[in-house]
Amino acid sequence: MVFFANLTTDDSSVILDPKSAPITIISSDVPVIGFSSETYSVTEGTPTVDLVVSVTTGTLGKTIDVILTLNDETATSIPAVDYNDTSFPITLTFSSTVANFTIPVPIVDDDILENPETFFAVLTTADTEVVL
């Protein structure tokens, strides 16, 4: 369910921007699975970046498979220049007793002077009874 919160004022000298914001209510009965952080950062000398995926809302009454895939943006995985994704995509199987996964992604250390680089971690599932 989505509704909007609206701001109003009688003072013509006040500019409201934005004037409204959408509010989404997610049922607590529907499990939500996601990353523990919106962004992750790692220095090139660090062996891995640990992605944490967990059930953040609700509880699971059945087993749910979630696929974790890595996609290049400016970082390169083939060949493993910046990070190594040879073990991806992987399947994370959540259940009533398994609600968290920590997945290490190997980072390649090289001697090349570079700007910060980015790759994306993407969660997908065929299950319609969970929100990602």
C-alpha atoms as a PDB file:
ATOM      1  CA  MET A   1       0.000   0.000   0.000  1.00  0.00           C
ATOM      2  CA  VAL A   2       1.313   3.461  -0.902  1.00  0.00           C
ATOM      3  CA  PHE A   3       0.072   6.820   0.335  1.00  0.00           C
ATOM      4  CA  PHE A   4       1.569  10.311   0.228  1.00  0.00           C
ATOM      5  CA  ALA A   5       2.586  12.665   3.017  1.00  0.00           C
ATOM      6  CA  ASN A   6       1.881  16.231   1.876  1.00  0.00           C
ATOM      7  CA  LEU A   7       3.339  19.485   3.205  1.00  0.00           C
ATOM      8  CA  THR A   8       1.370  22.727   3.151  1.00  0.00           C
ATOM      9  CA  THR A   9       1.899  26.241   4.460  1.00  0.00           C
ATOM     10  CA  ASP A  10      -0.015  29.505   4.588  1.00  0.00           C
ATOM     11  CA  ASP A  11       3.276  31.451   4.428  1.00  0.00           C
ATOM     12  CA  SER A  12       3.884  32.454   0.793  1.00  0.00           C
ATOM     13  CA  SER A  13       7.570  33.138   1.534  1.00  0.00           C
ATOM     14  CA  VAL A  14       8.202  29.452   2.296  1.00  0.00           C
ATOM     15  CA  ILE A  15       9.082  27.168  -0.617  1.00  0.00           C
ATOM     16  CA  LEU A  16       8.176  23.536  -0.095  1.00  0.00           C
ATOM     17  CA  ASP A  17      10.298  21.232  -2.210  1.00  0.00           C
ATOM     18  CA  PRO A  18       9.324  18.494  -2.484  1.00  0.00           C
ATOM     19  CA  LYS A  19       5.729  19.057  -1.414  1.00  0.00           C
ATOM     20  CA  SER A  20       4.986  15.375  -0.964  1.00  0.00           C
ATOM     21  CA  ALA A  21       6.700  12.057  -0.381  1.00  0.00           C
ATOM     22  CA  PRO A  22       5.417   8.543  -1.004  1.00  0.00           C
ATOM     23  CA  ILE A  23       5.051   6.303   2.044  1.00  0.00           C
ATOM     24  CA  THR A  24       5.049   2.544   1.385  1.00  0.00           C
ATOM     25  CA  ILE A  25       3.614   0.157   3.949  1.00  0.00           C
ATOM     26  CA  ILE A  26       5.023  -3.336   3.610  1.00  0.00           C
ATOM     27  CA  SER A  27       3.087  -6.095   5.303  1.00  0.00           C
ATOM     28  CA  SER A  28       5.055  -7.584   8.181  1.00  0.00           C
ATOM     29  CA  ASP A  29       3.732 -10.957   7.036  1.00  0.00           C
ATOM     30  CA  VAL A  30       5.693 -10.720   3.769  1.00  0.00           C
ATOM     31  CA  PRO A  31       9.381 -11.534   4.215  1.00  0.00           C
ATOM     32  CA  VAL A  32      11.872  -8.953   2.939  1.00  0.00           C
ATOM     33  CA  ILE A  33      15.365 -10.158   2.007  1.00  0.00           C
ATOM     34  CA  GLY A  34      18.143  -7.697   1.271  1.00  0.00           C
ATOM     35  CA  PHE A  35      21.699  -6.524   1.770  1.00  0.00           C
ATOM     36  CA  SER A  36      22.722  -5.262   5.213  1.00  0.00           C
ATOM     37  CA  SER A  37      24.068  -2.103   3.565  1.00  0.00           C
ATOM     38  CA  GLU A  38      23.066  -0.067   0.515  1.00  0.00           C
ATOM     39  CA  THR A  39      26.741   0.293  -0.441  1.00  0.00           C
ATOM     40  CA  TYR A  40      29.969  -1.527   0.334  1.00  0.00           C
ATOM     41  CA  SER A  41      33.516  -0.155   0.042  1.00  0.00           C
ATOM     42  CA  VAL A  42      36.833  -1.942   0.145  1.00  0.00           C
ATOM     43  CA  THR A  43      40.440  -0.985  -0.488  1.00  0.00           C
ATOM     44  CA  GLU A  44      42.291  -2.921  -3.151  1.00  0.00           C
ATOM     45  CA  GLY A  45      44.733  -4.402  -0.639  1.00  0.00           C
ATOM     46  CA  THR A  46      41.901  -6.103   1.280  1.00  0.00           C
ATOM     47  CA  PRO A  47      41.473  -9.770   0.263  1.00  0.00           C
ATOM     48  CA  THR A  48      37.651  -9.736   0.173  1.00  0.00           C
ATOM     49  CA  VAL A  49      34.584  -7.586   0.547  1.00  0.00           C
ATOM     50  CA  ASP A  50      31.946  -9.375   2.630  1.00  0.00           C
ATOM     51  CA  LEU A  51      28.387  -8.967   1.356  1.00  0.00           C
ATOM     52  CA  VAL A  52      25.748  -9.670   4.017  1.00  0.00           C
ATOM     53  CA  VAL A  53      22.302 -10.779   2.848  1.00  0.00           C
ATOM     54  CA  SER A  54      19.546 -11.406   5.369  1.00  0.00           C
ATOM     55  CA  VAL A  55      15.840 -11.526   6.086  1.00  0.00           C
ATOM     56  CA  THR A  56      15.280  -7.936   7.216  1.00  0.00           C
ATOM     57  CA  THR A  57      11.516  -8.022   7.830  1.00  0.00           C
ATOM     58  CA  GLY A  58       9.041 -10.810   8.484  1.00  0.00           C
ATOM     59  CA  THR A  59       9.663 -14.492   8.949  1.00  0.00           C
ATOM     60  CA  LEU A  60       9.936 -17.363   6.524  1.00  0.00           C
ATOM     61  CA  GLY A  61       7.459 -20.202   6.665  1.00  0.00           C
ATOM     62  CA  LYS A  62       9.153 -22.078   3.827  1.00  0.00           C
ATOM     63  CA  THR A  63      12.454 -22.364   1.991  1.00  0.00           C
ATOM     64  CA  ILE A  64      13.213 -19.536  -0.451  1.00  0.00           C
ATOM     65  CA  ASP A  65      16.058 -19.538  -2.973  1.00  0.00           C
ATOM     66  CA  VAL A  66      17.660 -16.201  -3.837  1.00  0.00           C
ATOM     67  CA  ILE A  67      20.255 -15.870  -6.602  1.00  0.00           C
ATOM     68  CA  LEU A  68      23.205 -13.517  -6.028  1.00  0.00           C
ATOM     69  CA  THR A  69      24.884 -12.279  -9.215  1.00  0.00           C
ATOM     70  CA  LEU A  70      27.755  -9.828  -9.660  1.00  0.00           C
ATOM     71  CA  ASN A  71      27.817  -7.386 -12.584  1.00  0.00           C
ATOM     72  CA  ASP A  72      30.701  -5.219 -13.786  1.00  0.00           C
ATOM     73  CA  GLU A  73      30.292  -1.479 -14.023  1.00  0.00           C
ATOM     74  CA  THR A  74      33.786   0.032 -14.074  1.00  0.00           C
ATOM     75  CA  ALA A  75      35.434  -2.866 -12.215  1.00  0.00           C
ATOM     76  CA  THR A  76      36.376  -5.895 -14.319  1.00  0.00           C
ATOM     77  CA  SER A  77      35.836  -9.520 -13.337  1.00  0.00           C
ATOM     78  CA  ILE A  78      36.703 -11.293 -16.628  1.00  0.00           C
ATOM     79  CA  PRO A  79      39.596 -11.684 -16.561  1.00  0.00           C
ATOM     80  CA  ALA A  80      39.861 -11.173 -12.797  1.00  0.00           C
ATOM     81  CA  VAL A  81      41.481  -7.745 -12.996  1.00  0.00           C
ATOM     82  CA  ASP A  82      39.641  -6.066 -10.092  1.00  0.00           C
ATOM     83  CA  TYR A  83      37.555  -8.791  -8.438  1.00  0.00           C
ATOM     84  CA  ASN A  84      36.988 -12.501  -8.943  1.00  0.00           C
ATOM     85  CA  ASP A  85      33.460 -13.738  -9.647  1.00  0.00           C
ATOM     86  CA  THR A  86      34.206 -17.288 -10.803  1.00  0.00           C
ATOM     87  CA  SER A  87      31.978 -18.751  -8.073  1.00  0.00           C
ATOM     88  CA  PHE A  88      29.003 -16.544  -9.023  1.00  0.00           C
ATOM     89  CA  PRO A  89      26.084 -16.601  -9.502  1.00  0.00           C
ATOM     90  CA  ILE A  90      25.347 -18.444  -6.274  1.00  0.00           C
ATOM     91  CA  THR A  91      22.107 -19.623  -4.709  1.00  0.00           C
ATOM     92  CA  LEU A  92      21.322 -18.560  -1.136  1.00  0.00           C
ATOM     93  CA  THR A  93      18.723 -20.814   0.453  1.00  0.00           C
ATOM     94  CA  PHE A  94      16.807 -19.078   3.241  1.00  0.00           C
ATOM     95  CA  SER A  95      14.488 -20.923   5.628  1.00  0.00           C
ATOM     96  CA  SER A  96      12.894 -20.584   9.046  1.00  0.00           C
ATOM     97  CA  THR A  97      16.284 -21.525  10.562  1.00  0.00           C
ATOM     98  CA  VAL A  98      18.632 -19.764   8.074  1.00  0.00           C
ATOM     99  CA  ALA A  99      18.123 -16.002   7.866  1.00  0.00           C
ATOM    100  CA  ASN A 100      21.627 -14.614   7.144  1.00  0.00           C
ATOM    101  CA  PHE A 101      24.481 -15.173   4.723  1.00  0.00           C
ATOM    102  CA  THR A 102      27.915 -13.548   4.567  1.00  0.00           C
ATOM    103  CA  ILE A 103      29.394 -13.916   1.091  1.00  0.00           C
ATOM    104  CA  PRO A 104      33.056 -13.000   0.536  1.00  0.00           C
ATOM    105  CA  VAL A 105      33.905 -11.555  -2.883  1.00  0.00           C
ATOM    106  CA  PRO A 106      37.643 -11.818  -3.672  1.00  0.00           C
ATOM    107  CA  ILE A 107      39.302  -8.488  -4.492  1.00  0.00           C
ATOM    108  CA  VAL A 108      42.348  -8.505  -6.807  1.00  0.00           C
ATOM    109  CA  ASP A 109      45.309  -6.418  -5.670  1.00  0.00           C
ATOM    110  CA  ASP A 110      47.410  -5.012  -8.500  1.00  0.00           C
ATOM    111  CA  ASP A 111      50.077  -2.326  -8.882  1.00  0.00           C
ATOM    112  CA  ILE A 112      48.047  -0.210 -11.329  1.00  0.00           C
ATOM    113  CA  LEU A 113      47.172   3.324 -10.223  1.00  0.00           C
ATOM    114  CA  GLU A 114      43.390   3.555 -10.766  1.00  0.00           C
ATOM    115  CA  ASN A 115      40.338   5.590  -9.870  1.00  0.00           C
ATOM    116  CA  PRO A 116      37.706   3.927  -7.654  1.00  0.00           C
ATOM    117  CA  GLU A 117      35.883   1.168  -9.530  1.00  0.00           C
ATOM    118  CA  THR A 118      32.408  -0.278  -9.127  1.00  0.00           C
ATOM    119  CA  PHE A 119      30.579  -3.554  -9.567  1.00  0.00           C
ATOM    120  CA  PHE A 120      27.019  -4.432  -8.619  1.00  0.00           C
ATOM    121  CA  ALA A 121      25.635  -7.256  -6.502  1.00  0.00           C
ATOM    122  CA  VAL A 122      22.109  -8.198  -7.610  1.00  0.00           C
ATOM    123  CA  LEU A 123      19.537 -10.380  -5.832  1.00  0.00           C
ATOM    124  CA  THR A 124      16.785 -12.175  -7.759  1.00  0.00           C
ATOM    125  CA  THR A 125      14.226 -14.838  -6.963  1.00  0.00           C
ATOM    126  CA  ALA A 126      11.417 -16.627  -8.748  1.00  0.00           C
ATOM    127  CA  ASP A 127       9.412 -16.709  -5.503  1.00  0.00           C
ATOM    128  CA  THR A 128       6.523 -14.233  -5.505  1.00  0.00           C
ATOM    129  CA  GLU A 129       6.002 -14.487  -1.737  1.00  0.00           C
ATOM    130  CA  VAL A 130       9.102 -12.493  -0.818  1.00  0.00           C
ATOM    131  CA  VAL A 131      10.250  -8.906  -1.413  1.00  0.00           C
ATOM    132  CA  LEU A 132      13.866  -8.235  -2.408  1.00  0.00           C
END
